Structure formats: structure tokens, C-alpha cells
Amino acid sequence: MRELVLSVFLLSLLLSCEPAEKRATSGKLYVVATTGMVADLVQAIGGSEVEVDALMGPGVDPHLYKATQGDLSRLQEADLVVYNGLHLEGKMGEVLEKLGQRKSVVAVSEGVSVEKLLQDTLFSGNYDPHIWFDVSLWATAIPVVTAALIREDSTRRDYFMDRATQYAVELEGLHNWVRDTLQVLPADRRVVVTAHDAFNYFGRAYDVEVRGLQGISTLSEFGLRDRVDLVNFLVAKDIKAVFVETSVSTKNIESIIEGCRQKGHAVRIGGNLFSDAMGAAGTPEGTYIGMVQSNVRTLIQSLNAE
């Protein structure tokens, strides 16, 4: 993570070699982001000098999201559009691609090296887009967003750079906190079962076994075999808690609980996890840091109670 802080300074040197272009107006940059996590990242770096608009609010599944006419208007008015990429936004991908031919459109996942991405086991050549679940990986998006803001408003270069450096330090602290906090759980209790495979980066980064009924996209189909396999896994491992996601229907997880009941194994819902969407604005879970902390505390409270 400390390498990331240094990369922010290296980014400053790189940008200083480019001709600075002053904006015609002294007003704030208007940035449109797709998900809440992306919007929060832009806000953390842009601070009071940007106005950030998130298209997808709490409880919204980006895999299934369709842009409205109002969304298209906001995208056209934006000085900068920032999205996750790696096909997270699903049906919006084509819209964003076309928009990029006319204005600045940036994917935060550009900052992640291919070697650190997880392959999609169902679709060859594609990668798991849920990079924010590894805090150290999400932090690599900081230089991408910082460079994009500076390209749009070079007069505020120092301001953006200072905030980027500060936020990199905050995320380093968060990453260490998640890793250390989860260690209170015995290894055999560090098992997270959810409706879809959103937590694989989390599992890899923090030594947690993760299982999902669906693939990495909620568009993925699952069959009877997938359901039976997951039920058998829960019974064999004597796992007593599964988790629902705030942006995904509870129906599929409830079917798993019923399947376990039929085998004489009691499983309960351990709590709500934020996966593809953050909490409501104005709440701790409405920020990226607060969302991550909430998920970890929910896991600790539930898995420790087994």
C-alpha cells in the first residue's frame, strides 16, 4: 500500500510534463459515476471542488441496471464520467463506450494490473469486476481518478493530489484493519456464503473461503446441481449462517436454507452484506470505508456466534 502513496507523487511528476489546460470556468467539475463505490472514490479525491452524481443508488444491482432517459441527460452534461468497468455495469457498457468517443470517460479498473484480476470461470477472457472487496486493490484506482480530475481541471492539481495521498493512507489503514480484525475468527469459521460470487477478491485478500450460488454476475443462471452442491457444502462443513446482499433478492438464499432444513441442518441468515451497492447517503454504510467496516462487523458478529 505504501507503494501506492508513492505512485500518487509519481503521477504528479508525470502530469507536470504535460501542457496545463485551464478551464474556461471556475465552477466545480460535474462528475457522473455509475455505482456508489465509484462515486465515493471520486468524492474522496475531488472534495469540495467536484459535484458528484451517482446513477445507481442503494440496493441497485449494476449487473441488471438499465440507463433511463434522465441518466443519459446527466451523462451528456457531465465534464467527466467514471465507471467501474470489467463489465460490472452490464447493459450500460455500450452506452459508456459510445460516450467515450465524445467526452472523458474513465474506468477505475484501468489501475489494476491483469495479473491481479480474477478470471471469470464461466466466461473465458473476462474478469471478476468486484475489485472493491480487496481494499488494497481498490486503492490502485486512486491514481486513475486523480489523473482524470487533473486532466479536466489542472488548476486544482495540488488540491487533488493532496487529497489523493491522504485517501491512499486511509485505505491502507482500512486494509490492515480488515485483515487483522478477521483474524479473531478461527479459520474454519471464516466462510462466507452469499447469493452470488461477489466476494472472491475479499476471500483472496483476507483468507476467507467464499461460496456463491450464482456466478460473479446476477445475470448468471444456476441450476438444481448448483443448489444441491451448495446445500451439501453447508451440511458437510456444519456451517450455520449464510448472508443476504442488499442489492440481490433473498429468494435464492432462502431456497438454500430450506434445502438444508430438509436435510436436518439448521441454517440462519447471518445478516445483510453490502455487495454491489453501498448504504443510504448520510449513513456510515453510505461511504466505501463505512460499507467495508459494516460488512466485516456483520461477519464477525454472526460467524462468532455459531
Protein backbone atom coordinates (compact mmCIF):
# COMPACT_ATOMS: atom_id res chain seq x y z
CA MET A 1 0.00 0.00 0.00
CA ARG A 2 2.85 2.43 0.71
CA GLU A 3 3.88 1.98 -2.92
CA LEU A 4 0.52 3.46 -3.83
CA VAL A 5 1.24 6.66 -1.92
CA LEU A 6 4.49 6.97 -3.85
CA SER A 7 2.65 6.33 -7.12
CA VAL A 8 0.46 9.36 -6.45
CA PHE A 9 3.58 11.54 -6.31
CA LEU A 10 4.96 9.89 -9.44
CA LEU A 11 1.67 10.66 -11.13
CA SER A 12 2.16 14.31 -10.23
CA LEU A 13 5.56 14.33 -11.91
CA LEU A 14 4.15 12.64 -14.99
CA LEU A 15 1.32 15.12 -15.32
CA SER A 16 3.67 18.07 -14.79
CA CYS A 17 5.30 17.14 -18.09
CA GLU A 18 2.02 17.69 -19.95
CA PRO A 19 0.80 21.12 -21.03
CA ALA A 20 -1.67 22.51 -18.49
CA GLU A 21 -5.01 23.50 -19.90
CA LYS A 22 -7.11 25.95 -17.90
CA ARG A 23 -10.82 25.53 -17.78
CA ALA A 24 -12.98 28.29 -19.20
CA THR A 25 -15.00 28.41 -15.99
CA SER A 26 -14.10 28.48 -12.32
CA GLY A 27 -17.11 26.32 -11.38
CA LYS A 28 -16.92 22.83 -9.91
CA LEU A 29 -16.34 19.81 -12.09
CA TYR A 30 -19.53 17.87 -12.68
CA VAL A 31 -18.69 14.17 -12.48
CA VAL A 32 -21.18 11.39 -13.12
CA ALA A 33 -20.31 7.99 -11.64
CA THR A 34 -22.10 4.71 -12.11
CA THR A 35 -22.05 2.99 -8.71
CA GLY A 36 -21.93 4.36 -5.20
CA MET A 37 -18.45 2.97 -4.63
CA VAL A 38 -17.09 4.78 -7.69
CA ALA A 39 -18.87 8.00 -6.73
CA ASP A 40 -17.43 7.84 -3.21
CA LEU A 41 -13.93 7.38 -4.61
CA VAL A 42 -14.30 10.44 -6.83
CA GLN A 43 -15.70 12.48 -3.94
CA ALA A 44 -12.87 11.44 -1.63
CA ILE A 45 -10.31 12.82 -4.09
CA GLY A 46 -12.31 15.71 -5.57
CA GLY A 47 -13.58 17.04 -2.25
CA SER A 48 -15.33 20.40 -2.36
CA GLU A 49 -14.12 21.08 -5.89
CA VAL A 50 -16.34 18.49 -7.58
CA GLU A 51 -20.03 17.77 -7.79
CA VAL A 52 -20.52 14.01 -7.99
CA ASP A 53 -23.70 12.35 -9.21
CA ALA A 54 -24.16 8.58 -8.80
CA LEU A 55 -26.52 6.88 -11.24
CA MET A 56 -27.07 3.77 -9.09
CA GLY A 57 -28.20 4.25 -5.53
CA PRO A 58 -28.58 1.92 -2.52
CA GLY A 59 -29.97 -1.51 -3.29
CA VAL A 60 -29.43 -1.20 -7.05
CA ASP A 61 -27.87 -4.14 -8.89
CA PRO A 62 -25.42 -2.79 -11.51
CA HIS A 63 -25.45 -6.09 -13.41
CA LEU A 64 -29.13 -5.56 -14.25
CA TYR A 65 -29.24 -1.77 -14.43
CA LYS A 66 -30.67 -0.04 -17.48
CA ALA A 67 -29.97 3.63 -18.10
CA THR A 68 -33.00 5.92 -18.03
CA GLN A 69 -33.52 8.98 -20.19
CA GLY A 70 -32.60 11.08 -17.16
CA ASP A 71 -29.36 9.16 -16.81
CA LEU A 72 -28.48 9.79 -20.43
CA SER A 73 -29.05 13.52 -19.93
CA ARG A 74 -26.76 13.57 -16.90
CA LEU A 75 -24.10 11.63 -18.77
CA GLN A 76 -24.22 14.13 -21.63
CA GLU A 77 -23.93 17.09 -19.25
CA ALA A 78 -21.01 15.65 -17.28
CA ASP A 79 -17.48 17.04 -17.53
CA LEU A 80 -16.23 13.57 -16.65
CA VAL A 81 -17.83 10.11 -16.45
CA VAL A 82 -16.28 7.49 -14.17
CA TYR A 83 -17.32 3.83 -14.02
CA ASN A 84 -16.05 0.54 -12.62
CA GLY A 85 -15.50 -1.42 -15.84
CA LEU A 86 -14.81 -5.15 -16.29
CA HIS A 87 -18.44 -5.48 -17.42
CA LEU A 88 -19.84 -4.68 -13.96
CA GLU A 89 -22.25 -2.17 -15.48
CA GLY A 90 -23.56 -4.84 -17.85
CA LYS A 91 -26.11 -3.34 -20.19
CA MET A 92 -24.66 0.17 -19.79
CA GLY A 93 -21.33 -0.87 -21.29
CA GLU A 94 -22.28 0.03 -24.84
CA VAL A 95 -23.64 3.42 -23.76
CA LEU A 96 -20.40 4.25 -21.95
CA GLU A 97 -18.28 3.08 -24.88
CA LYS A 98 -20.10 5.36 -27.31
CA LEU A 99 -20.00 8.26 -24.87
CA GLY A 100 -16.23 7.87 -24.62
CA GLN A 101 -15.93 8.90 -28.25
CA ARG A 102 -17.20 12.38 -27.37
CA LYS A 103 -16.00 13.11 -23.83
CA SER A 104 -13.80 11.91 -20.95
CA VAL A 105 -14.96 8.52 -19.76
CA VAL A 106 -12.71 6.57 -17.37
CA ALA A 107 -12.89 3.08 -15.86
CA VAL A 108 -11.35 2.87 -12.38
CA SER A 109 -10.39 -0.76 -13.05
CA GLU A 110 -7.76 0.54 -15.51
CA GLY A 111 -5.48 0.89 -12.50
CA VAL A 112 -5.47 -2.83 -11.71
CA SER A 113 -2.85 -4.96 -13.44
CA VAL A 114 -4.22 -8.01 -15.25
CA GLU A 115 -2.11 -10.30 -13.05
CA LYS A 116 -4.13 -9.23 -10.01
CA LEU A 117 -7.54 -9.79 -11.60
CA LEU A 118 -9.51 -12.98 -11.03
CA GLN A 119 -10.70 -14.85 -14.09
CA ASP A 120 -14.41 -15.38 -14.61
CA THR A 121 -14.74 -19.17 -14.51
CA LEU A 122 -17.91 -19.11 -16.61
CA PHE A 123 -16.83 -16.71 -19.35
CA SER A 124 -13.31 -17.16 -20.70
CA GLY A 125 -11.38 -13.94 -21.20
CA ASN A 126 -13.49 -11.95 -18.73
CA TYR A 127 -12.58 -10.95 -15.20
CA ASP A 128 -14.37 -10.62 -11.88
CA PRO A 129 -15.35 -6.92 -11.60
CA HIS A 130 -15.81 -6.79 -7.80
CA ILE A 131 -12.38 -5.30 -7.18
CA TRP A 132 -13.50 -3.03 -4.32
CA PHE A 133 -13.70 -6.01 -1.94
CA ASP A 134 -9.90 -6.08 -1.72
CA VAL A 135 -9.19 -2.67 -0.24
CA SER A 136 -5.57 -2.70 -1.42
CA LEU A 137 -6.78 -3.41 -4.96
CA TRP A 138 -9.42 -0.68 -4.85
CA ALA A 139 -6.74 1.76 -3.75
CA THR A 140 -4.98 1.29 -7.10
CA ALA A 141 -7.89 3.22 -8.63
CA ILE A 142 -6.82 6.38 -6.79
CA PRO A 143 -4.17 7.45 -9.35
CA VAL A 144 -6.62 6.75 -12.21
CA VAL A 145 -9.28 9.04 -10.76
CA THR A 146 -6.73 11.66 -9.72
CA ALA A 147 -5.26 11.84 -13.22
CA ALA A 148 -8.73 12.13 -14.75
CA LEU A 149 -9.70 15.03 -12.46
CA ILE A 150 -6.45 16.85 -13.15
CA ARG A 151 -6.89 16.44 -16.90
CA GLU A 152 -10.24 18.17 -16.58
CA ASP A 153 -9.08 20.85 -14.16
CA SER A 154 -5.31 21.30 -13.94
CA THR A 155 -5.70 24.49 -11.83
CA ARG A 156 -6.63 22.30 -8.85
CA ARG A 157 -3.81 19.82 -9.35
CA ASP A 158 -2.24 20.28 -5.91
CA TYR A 159 -5.59 20.05 -4.15
CA PHE A 160 -6.48 16.79 -5.87
CA MET A 161 -3.02 15.35 -5.30
CA ASP A 162 -3.05 16.16 -1.59
CA ARG A 163 -6.45 14.54 -1.11
CA ALA A 164 -5.40 11.50 -3.14
CA THR A 165 -2.34 10.99 -0.96
CA GLN A 166 -4.41 11.34 2.20
CA TYR A 167 -7.04 8.88 0.95
CA ALA A 168 -4.37 6.34 0.00
CA VAL A 169 -3.16 6.40 3.60
CA GLU A 170 -6.74 5.96 4.87
CA LEU A 171 -7.29 2.93 2.65
CA GLU A 172 -4.01 1.42 3.76
CA GLY A 173 -5.27 1.66 7.34
CA LEU A 174 -8.61 0.13 6.34
CA HIS A 175 -6.93 -2.77 4.56
CA ASN A 176 -4.84 -3.56 7.63
CA TRP A 177 -7.88 -3.26 9.91
CA VAL A 178 -9.91 -5.74 7.83
CA ARG A 179 -7.06 -8.25 7.74
CA ASP A 180 -6.35 -8.01 11.47
CA THR A 181 -10.00 -7.96 12.58
CA LEU A 182 -10.94 -11.10 10.66
CA GLN A 183 -8.13 -13.00 12.35
CA VAL A 184 -10.25 -13.24 15.51
CA LEU A 185 -12.29 -15.86 13.66
CA PRO A 186 -10.90 -19.40 13.60
CA ALA A 187 -10.01 -20.46 10.07
CA ASP A 188 -12.87 -22.97 9.89
CA ARG A 189 -15.38 -20.19 10.63
CA ARG A 190 -14.09 -17.80 8.00
CA VAL A 191 -16.65 -18.96 5.44
CA VAL A 192 -18.95 -16.53 3.61
CA VAL A 193 -21.88 -17.93 1.64
CA THR A 194 -23.96 -15.48 -0.40
CA ALA A 195 -26.35 -15.35 -3.35
CA HIS A 196 -23.70 -14.57 -5.98
CA ASP A 197 -19.92 -14.68 -6.21
CA ALA A 198 -19.20 -11.06 -5.34
CA PHE A 199 -16.70 -11.73 -2.55
CA ASN A 200 -13.87 -13.62 -4.26
CA TYR A 201 -11.39 -10.72 -4.03
CA PHE A 202 -12.34 -10.36 -0.37
CA GLY A 203 -11.67 -14.05 0.18
CA ARG A 204 -8.29 -13.95 -1.54
CA ALA A 205 -7.12 -10.81 0.27
CA TYR A 206 -8.25 -11.74 3.77
CA ASP A 207 -8.02 -15.55 3.86
CA VAL A 208 -11.77 -16.19 3.80
CA GLU A 209 -13.49 -19.06 1.98
CA VAL A 210 -16.35 -17.74 -0.13
CA ARG A 211 -19.17 -19.51 -1.92
CA GLY A 212 -21.96 -18.09 -4.04
CA LEU A 213 -25.00 -19.72 -5.59
CA GLN A 214 -24.77 -17.69 -8.80
CA GLY A 215 -21.67 -16.66 -10.73
CA ILE A 216 -19.99 -13.27 -10.46
CA SER A 217 -22.95 -11.67 -12.25
CA THR A 218 -26.55 -11.84 -11.08
CA LEU A 219 -27.37 -12.40 -14.74
CA SER A 220 -25.79 -15.84 -14.44
CA GLU A 221 -28.12 -18.80 -14.37
CA PHE A 222 -27.87 -21.52 -11.75
CA GLY A 223 -29.43 -24.94 -11.79
CA LEU A 224 -30.54 -27.67 -9.44
CA ARG A 225 -26.99 -29.07 -9.35
CA ASP A 226 -25.63 -25.73 -8.10
CA ARG A 227 -28.27 -25.62 -5.38
CA VAL A 228 -27.66 -29.20 -4.29
CA ASP A 229 -23.88 -28.68 -4.24
CA LEU A 230 -24.16 -25.61 -2.03
CA VAL A 231 -26.58 -27.31 0.36
CA ASN A 232 -24.24 -30.31 0.65
CA PHE A 233 -21.31 -27.96 1.28
CA LEU A 234 -23.14 -26.23 4.15
CA VAL A 235 -24.14 -29.55 5.71
CA ALA A 236 -20.70 -31.14 5.35
CA LYS A 237 -18.92 -28.11 6.80
CA ASP A 238 -21.57 -27.67 9.53
CA ILE A 239 -21.98 -24.02 8.56
CA LYS A 240 -24.83 -22.37 10.43
CA ALA A 241 -25.06 -18.94 8.76
CA VAL A 242 -25.45 -17.61 5.22
CA PHE A 243 -25.72 -13.98 4.15
CA VAL A 244 -28.07 -11.96 2.01
CA GLU A 245 -26.98 -9.00 -0.10
CA THR A 246 -28.66 -5.62 -0.05
CA SER A 247 -28.76 -5.44 -3.86
CA VAL A 248 -29.85 -9.04 -4.55
CA SER A 249 -33.17 -10.80 -3.95
CA THR A 250 -33.28 -13.04 -0.87
CA LYS A 251 -35.28 -15.73 -2.71
CA ASN A 252 -32.30 -17.83 -3.77
CA ILE A 253 -30.65 -17.83 -0.35
CA GLU A 254 -33.97 -18.76 1.24
CA SER A 255 -34.14 -21.79 -1.07
CA ILE A 256 -30.71 -22.87 0.21
CA ILE A 257 -31.87 -22.55 3.82
CA GLU A 258 -34.92 -24.69 3.00
CA GLY A 259 -32.71 -27.29 1.29
CA CYS A 260 -30.57 -27.53 4.42
CA ARG A 261 -33.67 -27.83 6.60
CA GLN A 262 -34.82 -30.80 4.55
CA LYS A 263 -31.50 -32.48 5.36
CA GLY A 264 -31.91 -31.79 9.07
CA HIS A 265 -29.34 -29.00 9.13
CA ALA A 266 -30.41 -25.62 10.56
CA VAL A 267 -29.02 -22.58 8.76
CA ARG A 268 -29.94 -18.99 9.51
CA ILE A 269 -29.46 -15.69 7.74
CA GLY A 270 -26.42 -14.15 9.38
CA GLY A 271 -27.18 -10.62 8.24
CA ASN A 272 -27.14 -8.22 5.32
CA LEU A 273 -23.92 -7.59 3.42
CA PHE A 274 -23.31 -4.71 1.06
CA SER A 275 -22.05 -6.18 -2.19
CA ASP A 276 -22.75 -4.27 -5.42
CA ALA A 277 -24.27 -1.20 -3.75
CA MET A 278 -23.49 0.85 -0.65
CA GLY A 279 -25.88 2.04 2.05
CA ALA A 280 -28.02 5.17 2.09
CA ALA A 281 -26.40 8.58 1.81
CA GLY A 282 -25.72 10.16 5.19
CA THR A 283 -25.14 6.81 6.93
CA PRO A 284 -21.75 5.25 7.71
CA GLU A 285 -22.55 2.50 5.20
CA GLY A 286 -23.12 5.19 2.57
CA THR A 287 -19.35 5.58 2.25
CA TYR A 288 -16.89 3.00 0.96
CA ILE A 289 -14.95 2.85 4.22
CA GLY A 290 -18.13 2.57 6.28
CA MET A 291 -19.53 -0.12 3.98
CA VAL A 292 -16.41 -2.27 4.31
CA GLN A 293 -16.38 -1.86 8.08
CA SER A 294 -20.08 -2.76 8.31
CA ASN A 295 -19.57 -5.96 6.30
CA VAL A 296 -16.66 -7.07 8.47
CA ARG A 297 -18.56 -6.38 11.70
CA THR A 298 -21.59 -8.28 10.41
CA LEU A 299 -19.41 -11.27 9.55
CA ILE A 300 -17.62 -11.23 12.91
CA GLN A 301 -20.84 -10.93 14.90
CA SER A 302 -22.60 -13.72 13.03
CA LEU A 303 -19.78 -16.20 12.47
CA ASN A 304 -18.51 -15.83 16.04
CA ALA A 305 -21.98 -16.68 17.33
CA GLU A 306 -22.09 -20.13 15.75
